Amino acid sequence: MPPTTRLHHTRRGHSGPPVVLLHGLGSSCRDWEFQEVALEDRYQVVSVDLPGHGSSMSSGPPVTIESMADHVGALLASLDAEPAHIVGLSLGACVALRLGLQAPERVRSLTLVNPFARVQPTGPRDVARLLLRLTMLGVAPMRMVGAHVARGLFPWPEQRALYDAAVASLGATPRRGYASALRALAQFDARGQVAAIRRPTLVVAGDRDTMVPLGPKLRLAAAIPGARIVVVPASGHATPYDQPATFNRVLLEFLTQH
């Protein structure tokens, strides 16, 4: 079935291969500013609002990671773009993985930031944290949900500006879109499939990530043929934002090689 949601996106840069930026849960295309500035001189940068986020309203049947990948593939087709470097954070990394499996002809390379092949709580603390988020999503204002999530993303006092920006972004995400994407993530399972990926792949992992432990990221990188993994020091789940200089350097080195 063809996609029924038209993805809002922005474009910067006028030459070079396209680089497509796919945000995390509760975020939007506006949150890639650090990367757009670093990339636009050498690449065509396409920053996407995934369904239910930003200005991309969701419609039709319930959203899945597979349908999100279909939407991104359709966007690339509509732009008549050559195969693109796909960069995804968390939710966006899941969509990038699925796009690499469903439409490899659209993909030049994959950069997966704090990714996972399957959501797997590792203990009672993870289960309790998920239940709290679900409860808040059902009854609390979205800005309160955003503040709760942002505390896990940016817990350090020196990250106050990043925390405030995350609260604003998450708080502006429609409740329905957030819940739908959260459900899609819970259903996502690419284990046993990622070995079929045949595109150059970079896995970037924050060493302080409390949302996705390092172990699943290492296993994912090991399962993708030829994948390279880079662990970024002093970084949590939102590596492109809390360590932008390091992330941009690693990303540009990878893109230049491919």
Protein backbone atom coordinates (compact mmCIF):
# COMPACT_ATOMS: atom_id res chain seq x y z
CA MET A 1 0.00 0.00 0.00
CA PRO A 2 1.46 3.40 -0.94
CA PRO A 3 2.19 5.82 1.90
CA THR A 4 -0.73 8.07 2.87
CA THR A 5 1.28 10.64 4.83
CA ARG A 6 3.35 13.30 3.11
CA LEU A 7 6.51 13.84 5.12
CA HIS A 8 7.46 17.39 5.97
CA HIS A 9 11.15 17.98 5.37
CA THR A 10 13.72 20.73 4.99
CA ARG A 11 16.59 20.91 2.51
CA ARG A 12 19.96 22.64 2.82
CA GLY A 13 23.02 22.56 0.57
CA HIS A 14 23.02 22.37 -3.20
CA SER A 15 25.68 19.86 -4.24
CA GLY A 16 27.04 16.46 -3.37
CA PRO A 17 25.18 13.28 -2.45
CA PRO A 18 22.05 13.57 -0.31
CA VAL A 19 22.26 13.00 3.45
CA VAL A 20 18.93 12.20 5.09
CA LEU A 21 18.59 12.94 8.83
CA LEU A 22 15.99 10.95 10.81
CA HIS A 23 15.28 12.13 14.35
CA GLY A 24 14.46 10.27 17.54
CA LEU A 25 11.15 9.74 19.35
CA GLY A 26 9.40 13.02 20.19
CA SER A 27 11.85 15.09 18.16
CA SER A 28 11.65 16.73 14.73
CA CYS A 29 13.72 17.90 11.80
CA ARG A 30 14.47 21.14 13.68
CA ASP A 31 16.76 19.30 16.07
CA TRP A 32 19.55 18.62 13.54
CA GLU A 33 20.91 22.18 13.40
CA PHE A 34 24.42 21.22 14.55
CA GLN A 35 24.66 18.62 11.78
CA GLU A 36 23.05 20.68 9.02
CA VAL A 37 25.62 23.44 9.48
CA ALA A 38 28.47 20.91 9.35
CA LEU A 39 27.14 19.09 6.28
CA GLU A 40 25.57 21.68 3.99
CA ASP A 41 28.78 22.80 2.25
CA ARG A 42 29.47 19.30 0.92
CA TYR A 43 26.10 17.55 0.81
CA GLN A 44 22.43 18.00 0.06
CA VAL A 45 20.95 17.75 3.55
CA VAL A 46 17.37 16.52 3.93
CA SER A 47 15.98 16.67 7.47
CA VAL A 48 12.72 14.77 7.88
CA ASP A 49 9.76 14.93 10.26
CA LEU A 50 8.73 11.32 10.75
CA PRO A 51 4.97 10.54 10.83
CA GLY A 52 3.24 12.02 13.87
CA HIS A 53 6.16 14.36 14.62
CA GLY A 54 6.76 18.00 13.80
CA SER A 55 4.70 18.99 10.77
CA SER A 56 4.16 15.43 9.47
CA MET A 57 0.70 14.42 10.59
CA SER A 58 -0.05 10.70 10.60
CA SER A 59 -3.07 9.30 8.80
CA GLY A 60 -4.34 5.98 7.61
CA PRO A 61 -3.59 2.69 9.40
CA PRO A 62 -1.49 2.55 12.61
CA VAL A 63 2.11 3.54 11.98
CA THR A 64 4.89 0.94 12.08
CA ILE A 65 8.63 1.19 11.60
CA GLU A 66 8.12 -0.52 8.24
CA SER A 67 5.57 2.08 7.14
CA MET A 68 7.85 4.91 8.30
CA ALA A 69 10.60 3.45 6.12
CA ASP A 70 8.14 3.30 3.22
CA HIS A 71 7.37 7.00 3.73
CA VAL A 72 11.07 7.92 3.71
CA GLY A 73 11.63 5.82 0.58
CA ALA A 74 8.68 7.52 -1.11
CA LEU A 75 10.09 10.93 -0.17
CA LEU A 76 13.44 10.05 -1.74
CA ALA A 77 11.65 8.88 -4.87
CA SER A 78 9.67 12.12 -5.06
CA LEU A 79 12.89 14.13 -4.75
CA ASP A 80 14.39 12.06 -7.57
CA ALA A 81 17.40 11.69 -5.29
CA GLU A 82 20.35 9.43 -5.95
CA PRO A 83 21.04 6.83 -3.24
CA ALA A 84 21.34 8.70 0.05
CA HIS A 85 23.43 8.51 3.18
CA ILE A 86 20.84 7.76 5.87
CA VAL A 87 21.57 9.02 9.40
CA GLY A 88 19.16 7.99 12.15
CA LEU A 89 19.02 8.49 15.91
CA SER A 90 17.18 5.91 18.06
CA LEU A 91 13.71 5.78 16.44
CA GLY A 92 15.31 7.19 13.29
CA ALA A 93 17.98 4.47 13.44
CA CYS A 94 15.24 1.82 13.45
CA VAL A 95 13.66 3.45 10.40
CA ALA A 96 17.09 3.62 8.72
CA LEU A 97 17.69 -0.08 9.42
CA ARG A 98 14.34 -1.00 7.95
CA LEU A 99 14.92 1.22 4.90
CA GLY A 100 18.26 -0.52 4.34
CA LEU A 101 16.41 -3.84 4.29
CA GLN A 102 13.29 -2.79 2.36
CA ALA A 103 14.78 -0.41 -0.21
CA PRO A 104 18.56 -0.87 -0.38
CA GLU A 105 18.59 0.80 -3.81
CA ARG A 106 17.73 4.08 -2.03
CA VAL A 107 20.62 3.79 0.44
CA ARG A 108 24.27 4.71 -0.05
CA SER A 109 25.27 4.20 3.61
CA LEU A 110 23.74 3.89 7.08
CA THR A 111 24.76 5.79 10.21
CA LEU A 112 22.90 4.38 13.20
CA VAL A 113 23.12 6.44 16.39
CA ASN A 114 22.35 4.60 19.65
CA PRO A 115 20.34 1.99 17.76
CA PHE A 116 18.77 -1.33 18.69
CA ALA A 117 17.33 -4.28 16.80
CA ARG A 118 14.69 -4.91 19.47
CA VAL A 119 13.47 -3.05 22.58
CA GLN A 120 14.38 -5.29 25.51
CA PRO A 121 14.09 -4.03 29.11
CA THR A 122 17.10 -5.39 31.00
CA GLY A 123 15.65 -5.40 34.51
CA PRO A 124 12.99 -4.12 36.94
CA ARG A 125 14.31 -0.56 36.71
CA ASP A 126 13.80 -0.46 32.93
CA VAL A 127 10.31 -1.93 33.27
CA ALA A 128 9.37 0.59 35.96
CA ARG A 129 10.69 3.47 33.85
CA LEU A 130 8.66 2.31 30.83
CA LEU A 131 5.49 1.92 32.90
CA LEU A 132 5.95 5.40 34.32
CA ARG A 133 6.36 6.88 30.87
CA LEU A 134 3.24 5.08 29.62
CA THR A 135 1.25 6.26 32.64
CA MET A 136 2.36 9.85 32.15
CA LEU A 137 1.59 9.64 28.44
CA GLY A 138 -1.97 8.68 29.34
CA VAL A 139 -2.71 11.38 31.90
CA ALA A 140 -0.05 14.12 32.00
CA PRO A 141 0.42 17.16 29.72
CA MET A 142 2.93 16.49 26.96
CA ARG A 143 5.30 19.11 28.37
CA MET A 144 5.44 17.09 31.61
CA VAL A 145 6.13 13.94 29.60
CA GLY A 146 8.84 15.86 27.77
CA ALA A 147 10.43 17.01 31.03
CA HIS A 148 10.50 13.43 32.31
CA VAL A 149 12.15 12.09 29.15
CA ALA A 150 14.55 15.04 28.89
CA ARG A 151 15.87 14.39 32.40
CA GLY A 152 17.12 11.02 31.17
CA LEU A 153 18.58 12.51 27.99
CA PHE A 154 20.40 15.46 29.58
CA PRO A 155 20.89 14.84 33.33
CA TRP A 156 23.98 17.00 33.91
CA PRO A 157 23.74 20.61 35.16
CA GLU A 158 25.92 21.88 32.30
CA GLN A 159 23.35 20.45 29.85
CA ARG A 160 20.57 22.79 30.97
CA ALA A 161 20.22 24.45 27.56
CA LEU A 162 19.95 21.04 25.87
CA TYR A 163 17.42 19.95 28.50
CA ASP A 164 15.25 23.02 27.93
CA ALA A 165 15.35 22.53 24.16
CA ALA A 166 14.37 18.86 24.53
CA VAL A 167 11.45 19.73 26.82
CA ALA A 168 10.18 22.23 24.24
CA SER A 169 10.56 19.76 21.34
CA LEU A 170 9.05 16.80 23.16
CA GLY A 171 6.28 18.94 24.62
CA ALA A 172 5.26 20.10 21.14
CA THR A 173 4.94 16.55 19.80
CA PRO A 174 1.30 15.52 19.37
CA ARG A 175 0.32 12.95 22.00
CA ARG A 176 -1.19 10.67 19.37
CA GLY A 177 1.96 10.77 17.23
CA TYR A 178 4.21 10.06 20.20
CA ALA A 179 2.08 7.16 21.41
CA SER A 180 1.84 5.69 17.92
CA ALA A 181 5.61 5.84 17.42
CA LEU A 182 6.19 4.34 20.88
CA ARG A 183 3.90 1.46 19.95
CA ALA A 184 5.76 1.00 16.66
CA LEU A 185 9.07 0.82 18.53
CA ALA A 186 7.67 -1.80 20.90
CA GLN A 187 6.70 -3.95 17.92
CA PHE A 188 9.96 -3.46 16.02
CA ASP A 189 12.21 -6.51 15.75
CA ALA A 190 15.03 -6.70 13.21
CA ARG A 191 16.99 -9.46 14.93
CA GLY A 192 18.01 -12.14 12.48
CA GLN A 193 17.46 -9.75 9.56
CA VAL A 194 20.24 -7.18 9.84
CA ALA A 195 22.81 -9.65 8.49
CA ALA A 196 21.18 -9.04 5.11
CA ILE A 197 22.26 -5.37 5.05
CA ARG A 198 24.81 -4.78 2.31
CA ARG A 199 25.52 -1.09 2.70
CA PRO A 200 28.44 0.53 4.57
CA THR A 201 27.25 0.95 8.14
CA LEU A 202 28.50 3.06 11.05
CA VAL A 203 27.12 2.49 14.55
CA VAL A 204 27.65 5.39 16.97
CA ALA A 205 27.19 4.70 20.68
CA GLY A 206 27.18 7.10 23.62
CA ASP A 207 29.07 5.60 26.54
CA ARG A 208 26.65 7.15 29.10
CA ASP A 209 23.47 6.12 27.32
CA THR A 210 20.97 5.01 29.99
CA MET A 211 18.16 4.30 27.50
CA VAL A 212 19.92 1.79 25.23
CA PRO A 213 22.78 -0.11 26.92
CA LEU A 214 26.05 -0.56 25.06
CA GLY A 215 25.62 -4.33 24.76
CA PRO A 216 22.73 -4.31 22.26
CA LYS A 217 24.57 -1.75 20.13
CA LEU A 218 27.72 -3.88 20.06
CA ARG A 219 25.67 -6.95 19.10
CA LEU A 220 23.88 -5.04 16.35
CA ALA A 221 27.17 -3.80 14.89
CA ALA A 222 28.60 -7.33 15.01
CA ALA A 223 25.56 -8.69 13.15
CA ILE A 224 25.79 -6.23 10.23
CA PRO A 225 28.50 -7.33 7.77
CA GLY A 226 31.44 -4.93 7.81
CA ALA A 227 29.82 -2.48 10.23
CA ARG A 228 32.08 -0.16 12.19
CA ILE A 229 31.28 0.99 15.73
CA VAL A 230 32.48 4.18 17.43
CA VAL A 231 31.86 4.74 21.15
CA VAL A 232 31.66 8.46 21.99
CA PRO A 233 32.91 9.39 25.48
CA ALA A 234 30.84 11.53 27.85
CA SER A 235 27.74 11.09 25.69
CA GLY A 236 24.26 9.88 26.52
CA HIS A 237 21.43 8.80 24.22
CA ALA A 238 21.36 12.04 22.20
CA THR A 239 24.96 11.93 20.93
CA PRO A 240 24.52 14.38 18.01
CA TYR A 241 23.40 17.02 20.52
CA ASP A 242 25.49 16.43 23.63
CA GLN A 243 28.76 15.82 21.70
CA PRO A 244 28.15 17.55 18.34
CA ALA A 245 31.80 18.26 17.48
CA THR A 246 32.89 14.66 18.02
CA PHE A 247 29.81 13.26 16.30
CA ASN A 248 30.16 15.54 13.28
CA ARG A 249 33.84 14.64 12.89
CA VAL A 250 33.11 10.90 13.01
CA LEU A 251 30.16 11.28 10.64
CA LEU A 252 32.06 13.36 8.08
CA GLU A 253 34.98 10.92 8.10
CA PHE A 254 32.57 8.06 7.41
CA LEU A 255 30.65 9.87 4.69
CA THR A 256 33.86 10.91 2.96
CA GLN A 257 34.94 7.27 2.79
CA HIS A 258 31.71 6.27 1.06
